[in-house]
Protein backbone atom coordinates (compact mmCIF):
# COMPACT_ATOMS: atom_id res chain seq x y z
CA MET A 1 84.48 78.63 28.01
CA LYS A 2 88.03 80.35 27.72
CA GLN A 3 87.38 82.52 30.50
CA LEU A 4 86.46 79.73 32.70
CA LEU A 5 89.65 77.76 31.81
CA LEU A 6 91.76 81.08 32.46
CA ILE A 7 90.22 81.17 35.94
CA ILE A 8 91.14 77.71 36.61
CA ILE A 9 94.65 78.09 35.45
CA LEU A 10 95.20 81.26 37.55
CA CYS A 11 93.36 79.92 40.83
CA PRO A 12 96.68 78.02 41.97
CA THR A 13 98.89 81.08 41.14
CA LEU A 14 96.65 83.42 43.03
CA THR A 15 96.28 81.20 46.10
CA PHE A 16 100.12 80.77 46.02
CA SER A 17 100.57 84.44 45.77
CA GLN A 18 98.19 85.27 48.66
CA SER A 19 99.76 82.58 50.87
CA ARG A 20 103.04 84.21 50.26
CA LYS A 21 101.72 87.53 50.96
CA GLN A 22 100.20 86.31 54.20
CA LYS A 23 103.51 84.60 55.05
CA ARG A 24 105.43 87.95 54.57
CA ALA A 25 103.15 89.76 56.60
CA GLN A 26 103.50 87.35 59.42
CA GLU A 27 107.18 87.54 59.15
CA LYS A 28 107.14 91.26 59.28
CA ALA A 29 104.74 91.37 62.28
CA ASP A 30 107.18 88.70 63.93
CA LYS A 31 110.10 90.77 63.28
CA GLU A 32 108.59 93.85 64.98
CA THR A 33 107.38 91.89 67.93
CA LEU A 34 110.73 90.35 68.60
CA ALA A 35 112.51 93.89 68.28
CA ASN A 36 110.02 95.17 70.83
CA LEU A 37 110.47 92.29 73.19
CA GLN A 38 114.31 93.08 73.10
CA ALA A 39 113.99 96.74 73.61
CA HIS A 40 111.38 96.26 76.50
CA VAL A 41 113.83 93.81 78.40
CA GLN A 42 117.02 96.07 77.53
CA TYR A 43 115.31 99.16 79.10
CA LEU A 44 113.64 97.17 82.23
CA ALA A 45 116.86 95.38 82.87
CA GLY A 46 119.00 98.32 82.42
CA ASP A 47 121.32 99.66 85.46
CA GLN A 48 119.51 102.97 85.36
CA LEU A 49 116.46 101.18 87.03
CA GLU A 50 118.62 99.94 89.60
CA GLY A 51 116.94 96.52 89.87
CA ARG A 52 113.34 97.68 90.13
CA ARG A 53 113.01 96.90 94.00
CA THR A 54 109.57 97.41 95.13
CA GLY A 55 108.78 101.04 96.24
CA SER A 56 111.98 102.35 94.72
CA ALA A 57 112.63 105.00 92.04
CA GLY A 58 113.68 102.32 89.66
CA GLU A 59 110.21 100.75 90.08
CA VAL A 60 108.61 104.22 89.36
CA LEU A 61 110.56 104.43 86.07
CA ALA A 62 109.53 100.87 85.14
CA MET A 63 105.85 101.69 86.06
CA GLN A 64 105.94 104.76 83.85
CA TYR A 65 107.53 102.82 81.03
CA ILE A 66 104.68 100.17 81.21
CA SER A 67 101.94 102.97 81.39
CA ASN A 68 103.29 104.86 78.69
CA TYR A 69 103.24 101.62 76.41
CA PHE A 70 99.88 100.77 77.48
CA THR A 71 98.71 104.36 76.30
CA LYS A 72 100.43 103.91 72.95
CA ALA A 73 98.97 100.58 72.19
CA GLY A 74 95.52 102.19 72.83
CA LEU A 75 94.51 100.41 76.15
CA GLU A 76 92.05 102.01 78.52
CA PRO A 77 93.56 103.18 82.13
CA LYS A 78 91.91 100.72 84.52
CA GLY A 79 93.92 101.67 87.57
CA THR A 80 92.56 103.92 90.47
CA ASN A 81 94.69 106.82 89.11
CA GLY A 82 95.04 106.30 85.33
CA PHE A 83 96.96 102.93 84.71
CA ILE A 84 98.13 103.08 88.19
CA GLN A 85 96.87 101.31 91.35
CA GLU A 86 99.20 102.29 94.27
CA PHE A 87 99.18 100.42 97.49
CA THR A 88 101.17 100.44 100.79
CA ILE A 89 103.28 97.60 102.01
CA ASN A 90 103.75 98.17 105.70
CA GLU A 91 107.04 96.70 106.85
CA GLY A 92 106.87 97.38 110.67
CA LYS A 93 109.65 98.45 112.72
CA GLN A 94 113.12 98.40 111.19
CA LEU A 95 116.50 98.74 112.70
CA PRO A 96 118.73 101.11 110.48
CA PRO A 97 122.39 100.00 110.78
CA ALA A 98 123.56 103.42 110.66
CA ASP A 99 121.42 104.44 113.55
CA ASN A 100 121.98 101.47 115.85
CA GLN A 101 125.12 100.86 117.76
CA PHE A 102 126.74 98.80 120.31
CA ILE A 103 130.53 99.46 120.93
CA VAL A 104 132.44 97.22 123.25
CA ASN A 105 135.91 98.37 124.16
CA ASP A 106 136.06 100.30 121.01
CA LYS A 107 134.77 97.36 118.91
CA PRO A 108 131.67 97.97 117.21
CA MET A 109 129.35 94.95 116.92
CA THR A 110 126.99 94.33 114.25
CA VAL A 111 123.22 94.97 114.59
CA ASN A 112 120.91 91.76 113.86
CA LEU A 113 124.05 89.40 113.82
CA ASP A 114 125.81 90.06 117.18
CA TYR A 115 122.84 91.75 118.83
CA TYR A 116 119.42 93.73 118.37
CA PRO A 117 117.24 95.92 120.65
CA LEU A 118 114.00 94.34 121.36
CA ALA A 119 111.04 95.95 119.81
CA TRP A 120 109.91 97.66 123.15
CA SER A 121 113.20 99.05 123.95
CA ALA A 122 113.65 102.81 124.65
CA GLU A 123 115.15 104.69 121.76
CA THR A 124 117.91 106.40 123.27
CA THR A 125 121.64 106.11 124.10
CA ALA A 126 123.57 104.63 127.07
CA SER A 127 127.22 104.27 127.80
CA GLY A 128 129.30 103.25 130.90
CA SER A 129 131.40 100.43 132.27
CA ALA A 130 129.81 96.97 133.35
CA SER A 131 130.69 93.25 133.78
CA LEU A 132 128.41 90.34 133.24
CA ASP A 133 128.21 89.52 136.84
CA LEU A 134 128.33 93.02 138.60
CA ARG A 135 125.49 95.61 138.76
CA GLU A 136 126.13 98.96 139.78
CA LYS A 137 123.77 101.89 139.81
CA GLY A 138 124.24 104.41 136.98
CA GLU A 139 125.81 101.86 134.94
CA PRO A 140 124.39 99.30 132.15
CA TRP A 141 123.42 95.99 133.65
CA PHE A 142 123.76 92.56 132.03
CA TRP A 143 121.27 89.69 132.82
CA ASP A 144 121.43 86.06 131.99
CA ALA A 145 118.12 84.50 131.20
CA LYS A 146 119.47 81.05 131.44
CA ASP A 147 117.68 80.10 134.78
CA LEU A 148 114.29 81.63 133.77
CA VAL A 149 114.31 79.92 130.55
CA GLU A 150 115.28 76.48 131.80
CA GLU A 151 112.63 76.80 134.72
CA ASN A 152 110.03 77.39 132.27
CA LYS A 153 111.03 75.09 129.35
CA ASN A 154 108.06 72.82 130.01
CA ASN A 155 105.63 75.65 131.02
CA PRO A 156 103.03 76.03 127.93
CA HIS A 157 101.68 79.38 129.56
CA PHE A 158 105.23 80.98 129.86
CA ALA A 159 105.59 84.25 128.03
CA ILE A 160 109.24 85.25 127.58
CA ASP A 161 108.35 88.82 126.49
CA GLU A 162 106.24 89.43 129.88
CA ALA A 163 109.28 88.23 131.93
CA LEU A 164 111.80 90.33 130.04
CA GLN A 165 109.50 93.65 130.36
CA LYS A 166 109.16 92.85 134.12
CA GLU A 167 113.17 92.44 134.50
CA ALA A 168 113.62 95.77 132.48
CA LEU A 169 111.10 97.57 134.86
CA ASN A 170 113.10 96.35 137.75
CA ALA A 171 116.34 97.27 136.35
CA SER A 172 115.05 100.64 135.54
CA LYS A 173 113.80 101.34 139.02
CA LYS A 174 117.07 100.17 140.51
CA GLY A 175 119.06 102.63 138.68
CA ALA A 176 120.29 100.64 135.65
CA LYS A 177 121.09 102.87 132.37
CA ALA A 178 120.44 99.91 130.18
CA LEU A 179 119.61 96.13 130.25
CA ILE A 180 121.67 93.88 128.19
CA ILE A 181 120.03 90.19 128.04
CA PHE A 182 121.87 87.00 127.07
CA ASN A 183 121.47 83.27 127.53
CA SER A 184 124.33 81.43 128.60
CA GLY A 185 122.48 77.93 128.46
CA LYS A 186 121.45 75.56 125.88
CA GLN A 187 117.69 75.81 126.14
CA THR A 188 116.03 77.91 123.24
CA ASP A 189 115.06 81.13 124.74
CA ASN A 190 112.68 82.65 122.08
CA ILE A 191 114.00 86.17 122.47
CA LEU A 192 113.06 87.57 119.14
CA PHE A 193 112.71 91.17 117.46
CA ASN A 194 109.06 91.53 116.77
CA LYS A 195 108.54 94.20 114.15
CA ASN A 196 105.17 94.21 114.60
CA ASP A 197 105.07 94.56 118.50
CA LYS A 198 103.21 97.64 119.71
CA THR A 199 103.83 97.33 123.39
CA LYS A 200 104.77 100.53 125.40
CA ALA A 201 108.59 101.32 125.16
CA ALA A 202 110.57 100.53 128.32
CA ALA A 203 112.22 103.30 130.32
CA LEU A 204 115.71 102.22 129.37
CA PRO A 205 117.31 100.73 126.39
CA VAL A 206 117.04 96.69 126.24
CA LEU A 207 119.13 94.68 123.98
CA TYR A 208 119.75 91.13 123.20
CA LEU A 209 123.18 89.52 122.76
CA THR A 210 122.96 86.53 120.31
CA PRO A 211 125.12 83.60 121.08
CA ARG A 212 127.55 84.92 118.43
CA GLY A 213 127.75 88.14 120.11
CA LEU A 214 128.10 86.82 123.40
CA LYS A 215 130.89 84.36 122.57
CA LYS A 216 132.99 86.72 120.43
CA TYR A 217 132.79 90.08 122.46
CA PHE A 218 132.05 89.01 126.14
CA ALA A 219 134.11 85.70 126.49
CA ASP A 220 135.54 86.74 129.92
CA VAL A 221 132.65 86.83 132.37
CA SER A 222 134.67 88.57 135.15
CA ALA A 223 136.19 91.37 132.66
CA LEU A 224 135.02 95.02 132.80
CA TYR A 225 133.69 96.35 129.54
CA ASN A 226 133.25 99.80 128.34
CA VAL A 227 129.92 99.87 126.35
CA LYS A 228 128.37 102.61 124.25
CA LEU A 229 124.80 102.04 122.93
CA LYS A 230 122.48 103.67 120.57
CA VAL A 231 119.01 102.38 119.96
CA LYS A 232 116.85 103.66 116.98
CA MET A 233 113.77 102.05 115.43
CA VAL A 234 111.65 103.26 112.32
CA ASN A 235 108.40 102.24 111.21
CA THR A 236 108.68 101.77 107.56
CA SER A 237 106.26 101.27 104.52
CA ARG A 238 106.46 101.31 100.93
CA LYS A 239 104.41 102.73 98.21
CA ALA A 240 104.06 100.12 95.55
CA HIS A 241 102.21 100.34 92.08
CA ASN A 242 100.50 97.97 89.92
CA VAL A 243 99.91 99.00 86.31
CA VAL A 244 96.49 98.13 84.90
CA GLY A 245 95.24 98.32 81.23
CA TYR A 246 91.86 97.30 79.63
CA ILE A 247 90.80 96.17 76.25
CA ASN A 248 86.91 96.50 76.42
CA ASN A 249 85.48 94.50 73.49
CA ASN A 250 82.15 94.53 75.22
CA ALA A 251 82.33 90.98 75.58
CA PRO A 252 80.56 88.84 78.34
CA ASN A 253 83.88 87.42 79.56
CA THR A 254 87.15 89.26 80.65
CA VAL A 255 90.48 87.53 80.73
CA VAL A 256 93.50 88.71 82.80
CA LEU A 257 96.95 88.65 81.80
CA GLY A 258 99.61 89.37 84.09
CA ALA A 259 103.33 89.63 84.83
CA HIS A 260 105.37 91.02 87.82
CA TYR A 261 107.81 93.76 86.98
CA ASP A 262 109.54 94.32 90.28
CA HIS A 263 112.83 92.70 91.24
CA LEU A 264 115.43 92.53 93.86
CA GLY A 265 117.13 96.04 93.66
CA ARG A 266 120.33 95.69 94.98
CA GLY A 267 119.43 92.80 97.44
CA GLU A 268 118.34 95.08 100.28
CA ASP A 269 115.39 92.53 101.18
CA ASP A 270 117.76 89.54 101.67
CA ASN A 271 116.11 87.83 98.87
CA ALA A 272 119.29 87.69 96.42
CA LEU A 273 121.30 84.45 96.14
CA ASP A 274 124.62 86.43 95.77
CA ALA A 275 126.24 89.34 97.54
CA LYS A 276 124.29 92.52 98.59
CA GLY A 277 125.11 95.88 96.95
CA GLU A 278 125.17 94.90 93.30
CA ILE A 279 122.36 95.78 90.78
CA HIS A 280 119.99 92.78 90.42
CA ASN A 281 118.57 93.75 86.90
CA GLY A 282 116.19 90.70 86.87
CA ALA A 283 116.19 90.36 82.93
CA ASP A 284 114.68 86.95 83.04
CA ASP A 285 112.98 87.72 86.44
CA ASN A 286 110.70 89.24 85.35
CA ALA A 287 111.62 91.91 82.70
CA SER A 288 110.96 89.07 80.13
CA GLY A 289 107.40 88.31 81.55
CA THR A 290 106.63 92.04 81.56
CA ALA A 291 108.06 92.42 77.85
CA ALA A 292 105.63 89.56 77.00
CA LEU A 293 102.65 91.37 78.49
CA LEU A 294 103.46 94.55 76.82
CA GLU A 295 103.49 92.75 73.32
CA LEU A 296 100.44 90.72 74.14
CA ALA A 297 98.65 93.94 74.99
CA ARG A 298 99.69 95.66 71.67
CA LEU A 299 98.61 92.23 69.61
CA LEU A 300 95.39 91.81 71.41
CA LYS A 301 94.35 95.42 70.96
CA LYS A 302 94.69 94.98 67.20
CA SER A 303 93.23 91.66 66.75
CA SER A 304 90.04 91.06 64.83
CA ASP A 305 88.87 88.63 67.64
CA LYS A 306 86.51 90.55 70.04
CA SER A 307 85.04 87.66 71.76
CA SER A 308 86.58 88.62 75.33
CA ASN A 309 87.68 91.81 77.11
CA TYR A 310 91.55 91.86 78.27
CA LEU A 311 92.88 93.09 81.65
CA LEU A 312 96.48 93.39 81.48
CA ILE A 313 98.10 94.05 84.78
CA ALA A 314 101.91 94.41 85.59
CA PHE A 315 102.07 93.68 89.31
CA SER A 316 104.74 94.74 91.90
CA GLY A 317 105.72 93.33 95.14
CA GLU A 318 105.76 89.83 93.97
CA GLU A 319 109.33 89.35 95.05
CA LEU A 320 108.00 90.15 98.43
CA GLY A 321 105.04 87.78 98.68
CA LEU A 322 102.73 88.35 95.88
CA PHE A 323 101.35 91.67 97.31
CA GLY A 324 100.38 93.28 94.12
CA SER A 325 98.23 90.32 92.86
CA LYS A 326 96.79 90.02 96.24
CA TYR A 327 96.01 93.67 96.52
CA TRP A 328 94.38 93.79 93.10
CA LEU A 329 92.08 90.91 93.88
CA ASP A 330 91.14 92.35 97.24
CA ASN A 331 90.56 95.74 95.62
CA PRO A 332 89.54 94.85 91.88
CA THR A 333 89.44 97.65 89.32
CA VAL A 334 86.79 95.70 87.24
CA THR A 335 83.38 94.46 88.35
CA SER A 336 83.12 91.08 86.58
CA LYS A 337 85.08 88.17 88.17
CA PRO A 338 87.81 87.13 85.59
CA ASN A 339 87.13 84.15 83.41
CA TYR A 340 90.85 82.84 83.55
CA MET A 341 94.32 84.43 84.28
CA ILE A 342 97.38 83.82 82.47
CA ASN A 343 100.65 84.56 84.33
CA MET A 344 104.09 85.05 82.77
CA ASP A 345 107.18 84.83 85.07
CA MET A 346 110.53 84.06 83.59
CA VAL A 347 109.81 83.40 80.18
CA GLY A 348 113.15 84.34 78.59
CA ARG A 349 115.49 81.50 79.02
CA TYR A 350 113.70 78.81 76.77
CA ASN A 351 116.09 75.89 76.57
CA PRO A 352 114.64 72.54 74.55
CA ASP A 353 116.47 70.49 77.21
CA LYS A 354 114.43 72.21 79.95
CA LYS A 355 111.40 72.64 78.03
CA LEU A 356 108.59 75.26 78.67
CA THR A 357 106.48 74.45 81.81
CA ILE A 358 103.03 75.42 81.64
CA GLY A 359 101.49 75.37 85.17
CA GLY A 360 97.78 75.36 85.97
CA PHE A 361 96.64 72.79 83.70
CA GLY A 362 94.61 71.13 86.14
CA THR A 363 92.49 74.23 87.10
CA SER A 364 89.98 73.74 84.39
CA PRO A 365 88.88 70.63 82.51
CA VAL A 366 88.66 72.91 79.22
CA TRP A 367 92.78 73.51 79.31
CA SER A 368 93.18 69.61 78.13
CA GLN A 369 90.55 70.46 75.27
CA VAL A 370 92.43 73.68 74.33
CA PHE A 371 95.84 72.05 74.27
CA THR A 372 95.02 69.39 72.09
CA THR A 373 93.87 71.91 69.38
CA VAL A 374 96.67 74.41 69.73
CA PRO A 375 100.08 73.19 68.31
CA ALA A 376 103.30 74.25 70.35
CA GLY A 377 105.23 74.96 67.25
CA ASN A 378 109.02 75.06 67.86
CA LEU A 379 108.53 74.65 71.67
CA LEU A 380 108.84 71.58 73.88
CA VAL A 381 106.16 71.75 76.68
CA HIS A 382 105.92 70.22 80.09
CA PHE A 383 102.68 70.51 81.80
CA ASP A 384 102.07 70.88 85.54
CA SER A 385 98.65 70.47 87.09
CA SER A 386 98.90 72.58 90.06
CA GLY A 387 97.30 76.05 90.18
CA ALA A 388 99.63 76.91 93.20
CA GLY A 389 103.22 78.34 93.15
CA PRO A 390 105.41 80.99 94.05
CA SER A 391 104.00 83.58 91.58
CA ASP A 392 101.15 85.75 90.97
CA HIS A 393 98.83 83.13 89.33
CA ALA A 394 98.64 81.49 92.75
CA SER A 395 96.69 84.55 94.17
CA PHE A 396 93.86 84.11 91.39
CA TYR A 397 93.83 80.28 91.94
CA ARG A 398 93.05 80.80 95.58
CA LYS A 399 89.99 82.78 94.41
CA ASP A 400 88.79 79.83 92.36
CA ILE A 401 89.71 81.36 89.15
CA PRO A 402 91.32 78.90 86.56
CA VAL A 403 95.00 80.00 85.84
CA LEU A 404 98.04 79.09 83.49
CA PHE A 405 101.35 79.93 84.35
CA PHE A 406 104.20 80.19 81.81
CA PHE A 407 107.77 79.59 82.99
CA THR A 408 111.11 78.71 81.19
CA ASN A 409 112.38 77.22 84.32
CA SER A 410 115.03 78.22 86.57
CA HIS A 411 119.02 78.78 85.85
CA GLU A 412 122.22 79.58 87.45
CA ASP A 413 121.39 83.36 87.21
CA TYR A 414 117.98 83.30 89.25
CA HIS A 415 118.11 86.03 91.76
CA LYS A 416 121.70 86.99 91.09
CA ALA A 417 123.25 90.18 89.64
CA THR A 418 124.27 88.12 86.60
CA ASP A 419 120.41 87.94 85.27
CA ASP A 420 121.09 90.38 82.41
CA TRP A 421 119.43 91.23 79.02
CA ASP A 422 122.01 89.52 76.78
CA LYS A 423 121.17 86.12 78.10
CA ILE A 424 117.60 86.21 77.17
CA ASN A 425 116.46 83.75 74.19
CA TYR A 426 114.23 86.39 72.41
CA ALA A 427 113.31 84.10 69.55
CA GLY A 428 112.02 81.59 72.28
CA GLU A 429 110.00 84.34 73.80
CA LEU A 430 108.68 85.38 70.47
CA ASP A 431 107.27 81.60 70.20
CA ILE A 432 105.87 81.71 73.59
CA VAL A 433 104.00 85.01 72.96
CA LYS A 434 102.59 83.58 69.88
CA TYR A 435 101.59 80.36 71.55
CA ILE A 436 99.74 82.29 74.26
CA GLU A 437 98.01 84.33 71.42
CA ALA A 438 96.76 81.07 70.02
CA ILE A 439 95.62 79.70 73.24
CA ILE A 440 93.63 82.80 73.97
CA ALA A 441 92.19 82.52 70.52
CA ALA A 442 91.13 78.73 71.24
CA THR A 443 89.11 79.70 74.43
CA ALA A 444 87.27 82.53 72.41
CA ASN A 445 83.86 80.45 72.26
CA LYS A 446 84.26 78.34 75.01
CA GLY A 447 82.29 80.48 77.45
CA PRO A 448 82.99 80.82 81.11
CA LEU A 449 85.62 78.18 82.10
CA PRO A 450 84.81 76.04 85.04
CA PHE A 451 87.18 75.96 87.82
CA ALA A 452 88.90 72.76 89.40
CA LYS A 453 91.00 72.30 92.65
CA THR A 454 94.35 70.72 92.09
CA SER A 455 96.98 69.04 94.25
CA GLU A 456 99.50 71.38 95.22
CA PRO A 457 103.31 71.29 95.40
CA GLU A 458 105.44 71.98 98.90
CA MET A 459 106.46 75.44 99.43
CA ALA A 460 108.90 76.35 96.66
CA LYS A 461 111.85 78.72 96.32
CA VAL A 462 112.63 77.72 99.96
CA ASN A 463 115.23 75.22 100.84
CA LEU A 464 113.60 73.58 104.08
CA PRO A 465 114.13 69.98 105.53
CA VAL A 466 110.27 70.03 106.27
CA THR A 467 107.13 71.91 105.67
CA LEU A 468 103.69 72.02 106.92
CA GLY A 469 102.15 72.63 103.60
CA VAL A 470 100.61 76.03 103.92
CA MET A 471 101.05 79.32 102.19
CA PRO A 472 102.05 82.16 104.45
CA ASP A 473 100.25 85.47 104.51
CA TYR A 474 103.17 87.93 103.93
CA ALA A 475 100.92 91.04 104.50
CA PHE A 476 99.84 89.91 107.99
CA SER A 477 100.89 92.67 110.44
CA GLY A 478 100.45 90.79 113.74
CA THR A 479 102.33 88.60 115.85
CA GLY A 480 102.89 85.06 114.41
CA MET A 481 102.50 83.41 110.80
CA ARG A 482 99.15 83.63 109.30
CA ILE A 483 98.10 80.93 107.07
CA GLU A 484 96.76 82.21 104.02
CA ALA A 485 95.93 78.82 102.17
CA VAL A 486 96.38 75.06 103.19
CA SER A 487 97.71 72.81 100.51
CA LYS A 488 95.35 69.89 99.88
CA GLY A 489 96.68 66.59 100.95
CA LYS A 490 99.58 67.99 103.02
CA LEU A 491 100.57 67.93 106.60
CA ALA A 492 98.60 71.09 107.64
CA GLU A 493 95.29 69.96 106.10
CA LYS A 494 95.70 66.38 107.71
CA SER A 495 96.28 68.16 111.11
CA GLY A 496 93.26 70.20 110.77
CA LEU A 497 94.79 73.73 110.01
CA MET A 498 92.72 76.25 108.23
CA ALA A 499 93.29 79.26 106.62
CA GLY A 500 93.29 82.23 108.82
CA ASP A 501 94.89 80.32 111.54
CA VAL A 502 97.96 82.29 113.17
CA LEU A 503 100.83 79.85 113.92
CA LEU A 504 102.62 80.98 117.19
CA GLN A 505 105.02 78.18 118.11
CA LEU A 506 106.53 74.76 116.82
CA GLY A 507 107.86 72.66 119.52
CA GLN A 508 110.17 74.93 121.71
CA TYR A 509 110.43 77.40 118.92
CA GLN A 510 108.17 80.57 118.98
CA PHE A 511 107.93 82.75 115.83
CA VAL A 512 106.61 86.20 115.30
CA ASP A 513 106.60 86.56 111.63
CA VAL A 514 107.19 84.42 108.43
CA PRO A 515 111.15 84.59 108.39
CA SER A 516 111.35 83.45 112.11
CA TYR A 517 108.71 80.77 111.35
CA MET A 518 110.96 79.37 108.37
CA GLN A 519 113.94 79.40 111.04
CA ALA A 520 111.89 77.27 113.34
CA LEU A 521 111.19 74.80 110.47
CA ARG A 522 114.86 74.35 109.95
CA ASN A 523 115.11 72.71 113.56
CA PHE A 524 112.96 69.57 112.44
CA LYS A 525 113.63 66.78 110.04
CA LYS A 526 111.33 64.20 108.47
CA GLY A 527 109.85 61.90 110.99
CA ASP A 528 110.18 64.29 113.91
CA SER A 529 107.13 64.67 116.26
CA THR A 530 106.24 67.98 118.18
CA THR A 531 103.38 70.19 118.94
CA LEU A 532 102.23 73.33 117.10
CA LYS A 533 100.62 76.25 119.19
CA LEU A 534 98.19 78.31 117.15
CA LYS A 535 95.56 80.97 117.44
CA ARG A 536 92.16 80.47 115.69
CA GLY A 537 90.10 83.54 116.25
CA THR A 538 90.41 84.40 120.01
CA ALA A 539 91.11 80.84 121.09
CA GLU A 540 94.65 79.41 121.38
CA LYS A 541 94.99 75.60 120.43
CA THR A 542 97.76 73.09 120.41
CA VAL A 543 97.92 70.23 117.85
CA PRO A 544 100.26 67.34 117.50
CA ILE A 545 102.44 67.49 114.49
CA GLN A 546 104.64 64.58 112.97
CA PHE A 547 106.72 65.67 109.86
């Protein structure tokens, strides 16, 4: 009886002692995760990595850091070469500023701003004296496309490039050293540089003067100008690298956790929101998500819960158009379809006023069940139903895989050189890592998650007056803008557009790639009606559009 009484007396003490021990262990574990998060972000967002531009030496350093940490955490390599899955991003023809020249009366013009060679121009040099209204054999010739463009403004079969190529051939035969094209009229001419053009090169240099270049350097039509030209084009590509690690628990389902680790470098790809030249360290975008991925890799490997396998992928090429996630899905390094995917992009600036946004809530009915049982702790959360969006989870959603997207929302340093490691809320990021851990645990016995389509937002990260409601295929290497996906309920779907359609012209504005498509959209406003020319398979179609 005395022994039983002693046990009863000691029970609360033992329980309290055990609880304190568990609390101290959790505090120690949290302290380690917090320190690791800061160390990861400081390294990845350090100047020595020069902004982790896709295909750069800085990207390779980041790749090595991630693969080394995966090794240290005990993950299996699941790339095509160890942890690494290399892929190529073809960028087509580029015009290196140092190798292209247009000098007028000793004043250098700026390529792509004042002028540009056409993609089928001869790559050579030329010089001489010429005026806009005089053609002499053995000299550069100018040619005003005004009349040609105006005569064909209502001709749906008119191809400006064919007409220009014919003019260049005639000029060459008559002794011109170069052909410099301009348009003195107001009608849109659609004379564009097509980086994917594979047309045979002309026999002479062919350049186009932009309206700015014409006005600034050739205001006097009758004047004689001394010109020096040099044309050089380079076919460029980049080697990018996904980093893929695997935790094999011999479970029936595999969960993918992802974050992109590439950023903007020095703004060379024109995707920075401030001046080029400075290092854009991308601490929040997306060293923060990569750091969270690394810590989840370590924590999940140590976890006693073996109910799922885990594939952890650090993607490259996200800033250029989700290249890394698309490539992995087209070339998966595991055979089974992922049960679901969790993406972490910009999770380092948690602010209670802006909350933590969790996207993809509507991509499976199971998510509503999960989030009612998992407390958010210190976090204030805003849920977004859509599975689409401008980050890598969208690639998985397009393959009918349930997703979640963790994002602490944009801020004044987004895509600027001021996005640095000392502005990260590391305590907030620790809470997010623990929250994701708990969500993963809550799905442990749910089995395969059913997928659901969601409504989709308009194109994000792009300031456009109107949109069609499509996802561009940034990897398309043909002429035009290929649709990767059509947003449900948006203008494109209502107009009968389909994934795989190649858009060619909107109203009078032709386009040859995604940037020129975006530029065409800027010429319209809500309420405008026009026509859209597209290619579906081998057939061309024209459909009416009202924004």
